[in-house]
Amino acid sequence: MDYIQAIIISIVEGLTEFLPVSSTGHMILTQAVLGVKSDEFVKMFTVCIQFGAILSVLVIYWKRFLQSLEFYWKLLIAFIPAAVFGFLLSDYIDSLLETPLVIAIVLVLGGVFMLFVDKWFHHPQEDQTITYKKSFMIGLCQCIAMIPGVSRSMATIVGGMGQKLSRKTAAEFSFFLAVPTMAAASGYKLLKLFLEPSGKELLMNNLTVLIIGNIVAFIVAIIAIKFFISFLSKYGFKAFGYYRILAGIVMIILFVCGVVSADITA
């Protein structure tokens, strides 16, 4: 993976991390289009540039992270389900990420679902307090996003709306929950790499690429978050549903026609 490929993948990460379109799915599909093979460093890169996206949330919402200890307890309760299932299913999830055709199909299916999200779930209550119970239910919904292509953002926002939260409140909690979730995923990948014999050397040899990737993801994610909150509050999910369907169909056609490989390990 060269610098240009790394920057393109980082832009995709920053744009899609907090949108309900599956950032991991888009990075894997972008990787397939660019012809980047899924070696150990590339797998680590697509996870570790999430640190840049995490930082964008902390910069935009820094006051919210200073509000109370209860705020962190709710995040912890929401984080626990994904932490448990993610640890148990880590290897299986990694194997699914190596099959972009599966991701393209899930993009289409998720897009169809999103066409009806506002009708089914947009019934907010006046009281927008996020209780411990609501936090846990949103955390359970986050586990669905372990299926590549589902979108962590979509799963948690819809989970929040299912708890009678407004689209804006659910989206913001989804952003907050992304911080411990993505930090844990990135940290776990780095730890696994360090424990491998050649891990430290691989990391040091590609440190510049990682730094550039995180900077690009950070800048783009700030723009994407501000756009998404405004757009979602006004228009809902339908436009993202149509986009997912279109993107998934295009990718399936490219795979069927042999333009891109359906197996990025090949």
C-alpha atoms as a PDB file:
ATOM      1  CA  MET A   1       0.000   0.000   0.000  1.00  0.00           C
ATOM      2  CA  ASP A   2       1.521   3.322  -1.077  1.00  0.00           C
ATOM      3  CA  TYR A   3       0.862   6.813   0.321  1.00  0.00           C
ATOM      4  CA  ILE A   4      -1.844   7.702  -2.220  1.00  0.00           C
ATOM      5  CA  GLN A   5      -3.754   4.497  -1.491  1.00  0.00           C
ATOM      6  CA  ALA A   6      -3.417   5.127   2.248  1.00  0.00           C
ATOM      7  CA  ILE A   7      -4.767   8.684   1.912  1.00  0.00           C
ATOM      8  CA  ILE A   8      -7.733   7.535  -0.195  1.00  0.00           C
ATOM      9  CA  ILE A   9      -8.643   4.820   2.320  1.00  0.00           C
ATOM     10  CA  SER A  10      -8.294   7.356   5.171  1.00  0.00           C
ATOM     11  CA  ILE A  11     -10.612   9.808   3.414  1.00  0.00           C
ATOM     12  CA  VAL A  12     -13.170   7.018   3.051  1.00  0.00           C
ATOM     13  CA  GLU A  13     -12.800   6.209   6.766  1.00  0.00           C
ATOM     14  CA  GLY A  14     -13.286   9.834   7.811  1.00  0.00           C
ATOM     15  CA  LEU A  15     -16.301  10.302   5.537  1.00  0.00           C
ATOM     16  CA  THR A  16     -18.100   7.100   6.472  1.00  0.00           C
ATOM     17  CA  GLU A  17     -17.191   6.299  10.093  1.00  0.00           C
ATOM     18  CA  PHE A  18     -20.118   8.215  11.547  1.00  0.00           C
ATOM     19  CA  LEU A  19     -22.518   7.859   8.618  1.00  0.00           C
ATOM     20  CA  PRO A  20     -24.913   4.877   8.517  1.00  0.00           C
ATOM     21  CA  VAL A  21     -23.215   3.364   5.478  1.00  0.00           C
ATOM     22  CA  SER A  22     -20.554   1.079   7.057  1.00  0.00           C
ATOM     23  CA  SER A  23     -17.073   2.589   7.202  1.00  0.00           C
ATOM     24  CA  THR A  24     -15.389  -0.822   7.423  1.00  0.00           C
ATOM     25  CA  GLY A  25     -17.378  -2.035   4.446  1.00  0.00           C
ATOM     26  CA  HIS A  26     -16.439   1.032   2.403  1.00  0.00           C
ATOM     27  CA  MET A  27     -12.761   0.729   3.293  1.00  0.00           C
ATOM     28  CA  ILE A  28     -12.716  -2.942   2.317  1.00  0.00           C
ATOM     29  CA  LEU A  29     -14.504  -2.192  -0.953  1.00  0.00           C
ATOM     30  CA  THR A  30     -12.151   0.735  -1.636  1.00  0.00           C
ATOM     31  CA  GLN A  31      -9.245  -1.570  -0.909  1.00  0.00           C
ATOM     32  CA  ALA A  32     -10.602  -4.050  -3.473  1.00  0.00           C
ATOM     33  CA  VAL A  33     -11.040  -1.333  -6.123  1.00  0.00           C
ATOM     34  CA  LEU A  34      -7.507  -0.031  -5.531  1.00  0.00           C
ATOM     35  CA  GLY A  35      -6.107  -3.550  -5.714  1.00  0.00           C
ATOM     36  CA  VAL A  36      -4.637  -3.381  -2.192  1.00  0.00           C
ATOM     37  CA  LYS A  37      -4.119  -6.886  -0.822  1.00  0.00           C
ATOM     38  CA  SER A  38      -5.146  -7.611   2.758  1.00  0.00           C
ATOM     39  CA  ASP A  39      -1.824  -8.289   4.483  1.00  0.00           C
ATOM     40  CA  GLU A  40      -1.219  -7.845   8.215  1.00  0.00           C
ATOM     41  CA  PHE A  41      -0.297  -4.167   7.965  1.00  0.00           C
ATOM     42  CA  VAL A  42      -3.298  -3.264   5.802  1.00  0.00           C
ATOM     43  CA  LYS A  43      -5.624  -4.986   8.283  1.00  0.00           C
ATOM     44  CA  MET A  44      -4.036  -3.016  11.102  1.00  0.00           C
ATOM     45  CA  PHE A  45      -4.118   0.245   9.111  1.00  0.00           C
ATOM     46  CA  THR A  46      -7.881   0.090   8.459  1.00  0.00           C
ATOM     47  CA  VAL A  47      -8.478  -0.312  12.193  1.00  0.00           C
ATOM     48  CA  CYS A  48      -5.844   2.044  13.593  1.00  0.00           C
ATOM     49  CA  ILE A  49      -6.818   5.078  11.495  1.00  0.00           C
ATOM     50  CA  GLN A  50      -9.992   5.018  13.569  1.00  0.00           C
ATOM     51  CA  PHE A  51      -7.933   6.833  16.232  1.00  0.00           C
ATOM     52  CA  GLY A  52      -8.172   9.924  14.021  1.00  0.00           C
ATOM     53  CA  ALA A  53     -11.946   9.595  13.847  1.00  0.00           C
ATOM     54  CA  ILE A  54     -12.112   9.112  17.633  1.00  0.00           C
ATOM     55  CA  LEU A  55     -10.174  12.320  18.152  1.00  0.00           C
ATOM     56  CA  SER A  56     -12.656  14.235  15.979  1.00  0.00           C
ATOM     57  CA  VAL A  57     -15.482  13.282  18.383  1.00  0.00           C
ATOM     58  CA  LEU A  58     -13.448  14.374  21.395  1.00  0.00           C
ATOM     59  CA  VAL A  59     -12.630  17.722  19.765  1.00  0.00           C
ATOM     60  CA  ILE A  60     -16.208  18.515  18.720  1.00  0.00           C
ATOM     61  CA  TYR A  61     -17.923  17.284  21.911  1.00  0.00           C
ATOM     62  CA  TRP A  62     -15.194  17.845  24.511  1.00  0.00           C
ATOM     63  CA  LYS A  63     -17.578  19.622  26.904  1.00  0.00           C
ATOM     64  CA  ARG A  64     -19.917  16.615  26.936  1.00  0.00           C
ATOM     65  CA  PHE A  65     -17.059  14.379  28.047  1.00  0.00           C
ATOM     66  CA  LEU A  66     -16.549  16.609  31.087  1.00  0.00           C
ATOM     67  CA  GLN A  67     -20.168  16.710  32.232  1.00  0.00           C
ATOM     68  CA  SER A  68     -20.418  13.907  34.830  1.00  0.00           C
ATOM     69  CA  LEU A  69     -19.200  10.504  35.991  1.00  0.00           C
ATOM     70  CA  GLU A  70     -22.637   9.072  35.171  1.00  0.00           C
ATOM     71  CA  PHE A  71     -21.967   9.831  31.489  1.00  0.00           C
ATOM     72  CA  TYR A  72     -19.020   7.387  31.542  1.00  0.00           C
ATOM     73  CA  TRP A  73     -20.967   4.692  33.388  1.00  0.00           C
ATOM     74  CA  LYS A  74     -23.614   4.778  30.671  1.00  0.00           C
ATOM     75  CA  LEU A  75     -20.943   4.525  27.980  1.00  0.00           C
ATOM     76  CA  LEU A  76     -19.383   1.575  29.802  1.00  0.00           C
ATOM     77  CA  ILE A  77     -22.722  -0.245  30.046  1.00  0.00           C
ATOM     78  CA  ALA A  78     -23.327   0.336  26.322  1.00  0.00           C
ATOM     79  CA  PHE A  79     -19.785  -0.767  25.456  1.00  0.00           C
ATOM     80  CA  ILE A  80     -19.748  -4.093  27.349  1.00  0.00           C
ATOM     81  CA  PRO A  81     -21.866  -6.214  24.912  1.00  0.00           C
ATOM     82  CA  ALA A  82     -19.682  -5.358  21.903  1.00  0.00           C
ATOM     83  CA  ALA A  83     -16.514  -5.888  23.953  1.00  0.00           C
ATOM     84  CA  VAL A  84     -17.603  -9.401  24.948  1.00  0.00           C
ATOM     85  CA  PHE A  85     -18.852 -10.510  21.539  1.00  0.00           C
ATOM     86  CA  GLY A  86     -15.988  -8.784  19.738  1.00  0.00           C
ATOM     87  CA  PHE A  87     -13.410 -10.659  21.815  1.00  0.00           C
ATOM     88  CA  LEU A  88     -15.140 -14.011  21.298  1.00  0.00           C
ATOM     89  CA  LEU A  89     -15.735 -13.579  17.556  1.00  0.00           C
ATOM     90  CA  SER A  90     -12.635 -11.600  16.544  1.00  0.00           C
ATOM     91  CA  ASP A  91     -11.129 -14.223  14.215  1.00  0.00           C
ATOM     92  CA  TYR A  92     -14.459 -15.002  12.547  1.00  0.00           C
ATOM     93  CA  ILE A  93     -15.136 -11.306  11.933  1.00  0.00           C
ATOM     94  CA  ASP A  94     -11.670 -10.900  10.376  1.00  0.00           C
ATOM     95  CA  SER A  95     -12.430 -13.735   7.954  1.00  0.00           C
ATOM     96  CA  LEU A  96     -15.662 -12.046   6.840  1.00  0.00           C
ATOM     97  CA  LEU A  97     -13.769  -8.811   6.177  1.00  0.00           C
ATOM     98  CA  GLU A  98     -11.752 -10.608   3.518  1.00  0.00           C
ATOM     99  CA  THR A  99     -14.858 -11.177   1.359  1.00  0.00           C
ATOM    100  CA  PRO A 100     -15.942  -7.821  -0.148  1.00  0.00           C
ATOM    101  CA  LEU A 101     -18.786  -9.451  -2.098  1.00  0.00           C
ATOM    102  CA  VAL A 102     -20.508 -10.298   1.204  1.00  0.00           C
ATOM    103  CA  ILE A 103     -20.124  -6.671   2.284  1.00  0.00           C
ATOM    104  CA  ALA A 104     -21.638  -5.418  -0.984  1.00  0.00           C
ATOM    105  CA  ILE A 105     -24.683  -7.664  -0.518  1.00  0.00           C
ATOM    106  CA  VAL A 106     -25.144  -6.512   3.096  1.00  0.00           C
ATOM    107  CA  LEU A 107     -24.909  -2.889   1.925  1.00  0.00           C
ATOM    108  CA  VAL A 108     -27.907  -3.466  -0.344  1.00  0.00           C
ATOM    109  CA  LEU A 109     -29.933  -5.280   2.321  1.00  0.00           C
ATOM    110  CA  GLY A 110     -29.132  -2.612   4.916  1.00  0.00           C
ATOM    111  CA  GLY A 111     -30.099   0.083   2.419  1.00  0.00           C
ATOM    112  CA  VAL A 112     -33.531  -1.468   1.904  1.00  0.00           C
ATOM    113  CA  PHE A 113     -34.014  -1.583   5.677  1.00  0.00           C
ATOM    114  CA  MET A 114     -33.051   2.088   6.011  1.00  0.00           C
ATOM    115  CA  LEU A 115     -35.791   3.166   3.612  1.00  0.00           C
ATOM    116  CA  PHE A 116     -38.280   2.273   6.352  1.00  0.00           C
ATOM    117  CA  VAL A 117     -36.320   3.283   9.476  1.00  0.00           C
ATOM    118  CA  ASP A 118     -37.955   6.692   9.936  1.00  0.00           C
ATOM    119  CA  LYS A 119     -41.451   5.237   9.579  1.00  0.00           C
ATOM    120  CA  TRP A 120     -40.798   2.380  11.996  1.00  0.00           C
ATOM    121  CA  PHE A 121     -38.635   4.020  14.671  1.00  0.00           C
ATOM    122  CA  HIS A 122     -38.938   7.816  14.585  1.00  0.00           C
ATOM    123  CA  HIS A 123     -41.354   8.307  17.515  1.00  0.00           C
ATOM    124  CA  PRO A 124     -39.329  10.394  20.021  1.00  0.00           C
ATOM    125  CA  GLN A 125     -40.573  11.097  23.538  1.00  0.00           C
ATOM    126  CA  GLU A 126     -40.335  14.515  25.146  1.00  0.00           C
ATOM    127  CA  ASP A 127     -37.938  13.158  27.763  1.00  0.00           C
ATOM    128  CA  GLN A 128     -34.655  12.590  25.935  1.00  0.00           C
ATOM    129  CA  THR A 129     -32.776  11.313  28.988  1.00  0.00           C
ATOM    130  CA  ILE A 130     -30.557   8.341  28.190  1.00  0.00           C
ATOM    131  CA  THR A 131     -31.052   5.900  31.059  1.00  0.00           C
ATOM    132  CA  TYR A 132     -28.860   2.915  31.967  1.00  0.00           C
ATOM    133  CA  LYS A 133     -31.429   0.587  30.404  1.00  0.00           C
ATOM    134  CA  LYS A 134     -31.451   2.542  27.152  1.00  0.00           C
ATOM    135  CA  SER A 135     -27.650   2.549  27.141  1.00  0.00           C
ATOM    136  CA  PHE A 136     -27.547  -1.237  27.453  1.00  0.00           C
ATOM    137  CA  MET A 137     -30.140  -1.740  24.713  1.00  0.00           C
ATOM    138  CA  ILE A 138     -28.162   0.512  22.363  1.00  0.00           C
ATOM    139  CA  GLY A 139     -25.057  -1.483  23.263  1.00  0.00           C
ATOM    140  CA  LEU A 140     -26.798  -4.722  22.282  1.00  0.00           C
ATOM    141  CA  CYS A 141     -27.768  -3.190  18.948  1.00  0.00           C
ATOM    142  CA  GLN A 142     -24.136  -2.232  18.380  1.00  0.00           C
ATOM    143  CA  CYS A 143     -23.254  -5.952  18.310  1.00  0.00           C
ATOM    144  CA  ILE A 144     -25.228  -6.312  15.063  1.00  0.00           C
ATOM    145  CA  ALA A 145     -22.615  -4.096  13.425  1.00  0.00           C
ATOM    146  CA  MET A 146     -20.055  -6.896  13.805  1.00  0.00           C
ATOM    147  CA  ILE A 147     -21.537  -8.202  10.560  1.00  0.00           C
ATOM    148  CA  PRO A 148     -19.393  -6.419   7.935  1.00  0.00           C
ATOM    149  CA  GLY A 149     -21.441  -3.919   5.958  1.00  0.00           C
ATOM    150  CA  VAL A 150     -24.124  -3.370   8.604  1.00  0.00           C
ATOM    151  CA  SER A 151     -22.702  -0.061   9.970  1.00  0.00           C
ATOM    152  CA  ARG A 152     -22.038   0.549  13.646  1.00  0.00           C
ATOM    153  CA  SER A 153     -23.524   4.020  13.308  1.00  0.00           C
ATOM    154  CA  MET A 154     -26.768   2.720  11.799  1.00  0.00           C
ATOM    155  CA  ALA A 155     -27.148  -0.044  14.383  1.00  0.00           C
ATOM    156  CA  THR A 156     -26.648   2.254  17.381  1.00  0.00           C
ATOM    157  CA  ILE A 157     -28.704   5.174  16.053  1.00  0.00           C
ATOM    158  CA  VAL A 158     -31.627   2.904  15.157  1.00  0.00           C
ATOM    159  CA  GLY A 159     -31.180   1.247  18.558  1.00  0.00           C
ATOM    160  CA  GLY A 160     -31.494   4.656  20.193  1.00  0.00           C
ATOM    161  CA  MET A 161     -34.534   5.562  18.123  1.00  0.00           C
ATOM    162  CA  GLY A 162     -36.051   2.258  19.172  1.00  0.00           C
ATOM    163  CA  GLN A 163     -35.713   3.561  22.736  1.00  0.00           C
ATOM    164  CA  LYS A 164     -37.787   6.653  21.770  1.00  0.00           C
ATOM    165  CA  LEU A 165     -34.788   8.955  21.381  1.00  0.00           C
ATOM    166  CA  SER A 166     -34.771  11.623  18.679  1.00  0.00           C
ATOM    167  CA  ARG A 167     -32.507  11.144  15.663  1.00  0.00           C
ATOM    168  CA  LYS A 168     -30.154  13.875  16.931  1.00  0.00           C
ATOM    169  CA  THR A 169     -29.886  12.486  20.484  1.00  0.00           C
ATOM    170  CA  ALA A 170     -29.416   8.920  19.216  1.00  0.00           C
ATOM    171  CA  ALA A 171     -26.765  10.021  16.724  1.00  0.00           C
ATOM    172  CA  GLU A 172     -24.787  11.954  19.327  1.00  0.00           C
ATOM    173  CA  PHE A 173     -24.818   9.003  21.743  1.00  0.00           C
ATOM    174  CA  SER A 174     -23.657   6.821  18.847  1.00  0.00           C
ATOM    175  CA  PHE A 175     -20.697   9.172  18.385  1.00  0.00           C
ATOM    176  CA  PHE A 176     -19.858   9.035  22.096  1.00  0.00           C
ATOM    177  CA  LEU A 177     -20.102   5.238  22.163  1.00  0.00           C
ATOM    178  CA  ALA A 178     -17.756   5.076  19.174  1.00  0.00           C
ATOM    179  CA  VAL A 179     -14.906   6.409  21.337  1.00  0.00           C
ATOM    180  CA  PRO A 180     -14.476   3.420  23.718  1.00  0.00           C
ATOM    181  CA  THR A 181     -15.581   0.915  21.049  1.00  0.00           C
ATOM    182  CA  MET A 182     -13.158   2.054  18.361  1.00  0.00           C
ATOM    183  CA  ALA A 183     -10.362   2.713  20.857  1.00  0.00           C
ATOM    184  CA  ALA A 184     -10.684  -0.851  22.173  1.00  0.00           C
ATOM    185  CA  ALA A 185     -10.739  -2.343  18.661  1.00  0.00           C
ATOM    186  CA  SER A 186      -7.707  -0.333  17.559  1.00  0.00           C
ATOM    187  CA  GLY A 187      -5.826  -1.001  20.791  1.00  0.00           C
ATOM    188  CA  TYR A 188      -6.519  -4.741  20.568  1.00  0.00           C
ATOM    189  CA  LYS A 189      -5.203  -4.874  16.993  1.00  0.00           C
ATOM    190  CA  LEU A 190      -2.047  -2.994  17.993  1.00  0.00           C
ATOM    191  CA  LEU A 191      -1.495  -5.299  20.974  1.00  0.00           C
ATOM    192  CA  LYS A 192      -1.847  -8.405  18.805  1.00  0.00           C
ATOM    193  CA  LEU A 193       0.627  -6.931  16.331  1.00  0.00           C
ATOM    194  CA  PHE A 194       3.143  -6.113  19.070  1.00  0.00           C
ATOM    195  CA  LEU A 195       2.982  -9.665  20.365  1.00  0.00           C
ATOM    196  CA  GLU A 196       3.958 -11.061  16.967  1.00  0.00           C
ATOM    197  CA  PRO A 197       7.719 -11.552  16.296  1.00  0.00           C
ATOM    198  CA  SER A 198       7.846  -9.034  13.442  1.00  0.00           C
ATOM    199  CA  GLY A 199       5.067  -6.804  14.726  1.00  0.00           C
ATOM    200  CA  LYS A 200       7.126  -3.930  16.138  1.00  0.00           C
ATOM    201  CA  GLU A 201       9.301  -3.789  13.038  1.00  0.00           C
ATOM    202  CA  LEU A 202       6.226  -3.744  10.782  1.00  0.00           C
ATOM    203  CA  LEU A 203       4.734  -0.905  12.806  1.00  0.00           C
ATOM    204  CA  MET A 204       7.914   1.194  12.851  1.00  0.00           C
ATOM    205  CA  ASN A 205       8.530   0.714   9.128  1.00  0.00           C
ATOM    206  CA  ASN A 206       5.046   2.037   8.364  1.00  0.00           C
ATOM    207  CA  LEU A 207       4.702   4.627  11.120  1.00  0.00           C
ATOM    208  CA  THR A 208       4.618   7.583   8.697  1.00  0.00           C
ATOM    209  CA  VAL A 209       1.753   6.029   6.742  1.00  0.00           C
ATOM    210  CA  LEU A 210      -0.208   5.487   9.972  1.00  0.00           C
ATOM    211  CA  ILE A 211       0.333   9.074  11.120  1.00  0.00           C
ATOM    212  CA  ILE A 212      -0.745  10.514   7.765  1.00  0.00           C
ATOM    213  CA  GLY A 213      -3.783   8.218   7.707  1.00  0.00           C
ATOM    214  CA  ASN A 214      -4.921   9.341  11.148  1.00  0.00           C
ATOM    215  CA  ILE A 215      -4.487  13.038  10.336  1.00  0.00           C
ATOM    216  CA  VAL A 216      -6.531  12.694   7.149  1.00  0.00           C
ATOM    217  CA  ALA A 217      -9.249  10.651   8.901  1.00  0.00           C
ATOM    218  CA  PHE A 218      -9.421  13.245  11.728  1.00  0.00           C
ATOM    219  CA  ILE A 219      -9.917  16.243   9.431  1.00  0.00           C
ATOM    220  CA  VAL A 220     -12.462  14.535   7.176  1.00  0.00           C
ATOM    221  CA  ALA A 221     -14.397  13.062  10.138  1.00  0.00           C
ATOM    222  CA  ILE A 222     -14.926  16.515  11.682  1.00  0.00           C
ATOM    223  CA  ILE A 223     -16.545  17.707   8.460  1.00  0.00           C
ATOM    224  CA  ALA A 224     -18.620  14.522   8.141  1.00  0.00           C
ATOM    225  CA  ILE A 225     -19.967  14.700  11.721  1.00  0.00           C
ATOM    226  CA  LYS A 226     -21.160  18.287  11.357  1.00  0.00           C
ATOM    227  CA  PHE A 227     -22.810  17.494   8.031  1.00  0.00           C
ATOM    228  CA  PHE A 228     -24.452  14.304   9.280  1.00  0.00           C
ATOM    229  CA  ILE A 229     -26.113  15.766  12.375  1.00  0.00           C
ATOM    230  CA  SER A 230     -27.672  18.578  10.340  1.00  0.00           C
ATOM    231  CA  PHE A 231     -28.757  16.316   7.460  1.00  0.00           C
ATOM    232  CA  LEU A 232     -30.127  13.529   9.670  1.00  0.00           C
ATOM    233  CA  SER A 233     -32.168  15.920  11.818  1.00  0.00           C
ATOM    234  CA  LYS A 234     -33.836  17.421   8.725  1.00  0.00           C
ATOM    235  CA  TYR A 235     -34.169  14.525   6.297  1.00  0.00           C
ATOM    236  CA  GLY A 236     -33.747  11.220   8.126  1.00  0.00           C
ATOM    237  CA  PHE A 237     -32.265   7.998   6.770  1.00  0.00           C
ATOM    238  CA  LYS A 238     -33.889   7.474   3.384  1.00  0.00           C
ATOM    239  CA  ALA A 239     -31.163   9.163   1.315  1.00  0.00           C
ATOM    240  CA  PHE A 240     -28.522   6.982   2.979  1.00  0.00           C
ATOM    241  CA  GLY A 241     -30.646   3.933   2.224  1.00  0.00           C
ATOM    242  CA  TYR A 242     -30.731   4.750  -1.487  1.00  0.00           C
ATOM    243  CA  TYR A 243     -26.983   5.388  -1.451  1.00  0.00           C
ATOM    244  CA  ARG A 244     -26.263   2.028   0.179  1.00  0.00           C
ATOM    245  CA  ILE A 245     -28.423   0.195  -2.360  1.00  0.00           C
ATOM    246  CA  LEU A 246     -26.738   1.958  -5.287  1.00  0.00           C
ATOM    247  CA  ALA A 247     -23.209   1.471  -3.926  1.00  0.00           C
ATOM    248  CA  GLY A 248     -23.843  -2.201  -3.169  1.00  0.00           C
ATOM    249  CA  ILE A 249     -25.315  -2.925  -6.604  1.00  0.00           C
ATOM    250  CA  VAL A 250     -22.435  -1.185  -8.372  1.00  0.00           C
ATOM    251  CA  MET A 251     -19.911  -3.223  -6.398  1.00  0.00           C
ATOM    252  CA  ILE A 252     -21.747  -6.492  -7.073  1.00  0.00           C
ATOM    253  CA  ILE A 253     -21.728  -5.709 -10.812  1.00  0.00           C
ATOM    254  CA  LEU A 254     -17.994  -4.971 -10.673  1.00  0.00           C
ATOM    255  CA  PHE A 255     -17.360  -8.286  -8.907  1.00  0.00           C
ATOM    256  CA  VAL A 256     -19.543 -10.258 -11.339  1.00  0.00           C
ATOM    257  CA  CYS A 257     -17.840  -8.630 -14.322  1.00  0.00           C
ATOM    258  CA  GLY A 258     -14.414  -9.372 -12.849  1.00  0.00           C
ATOM    259  CA  VAL A 259     -13.373  -5.711 -12.695  1.00  0.00           C
ATOM    260  CA  VAL A 260     -12.390  -6.115  -9.047  1.00  0.00           C
ATOM    261  CA  SER A 261     -11.562  -9.243  -7.068  1.00  0.00           C
ATOM    262  CA  ALA A 262     -14.194 -10.653  -4.712  1.00  0.00           C
ATOM    263  CA  ASP A 263     -11.360 -11.907  -2.483  1.00  0.00           C
ATOM    264  CA  ILE A 264      -8.798  -9.323  -1.365  1.00  0.00           C
ATOM    265  CA  THR A 265      -6.465 -11.997  -0.010  1.00  0.00           C
ATOM    266  CA  ALA A 266      -5.892 -13.351  -3.512  1.00  0.00           C
END
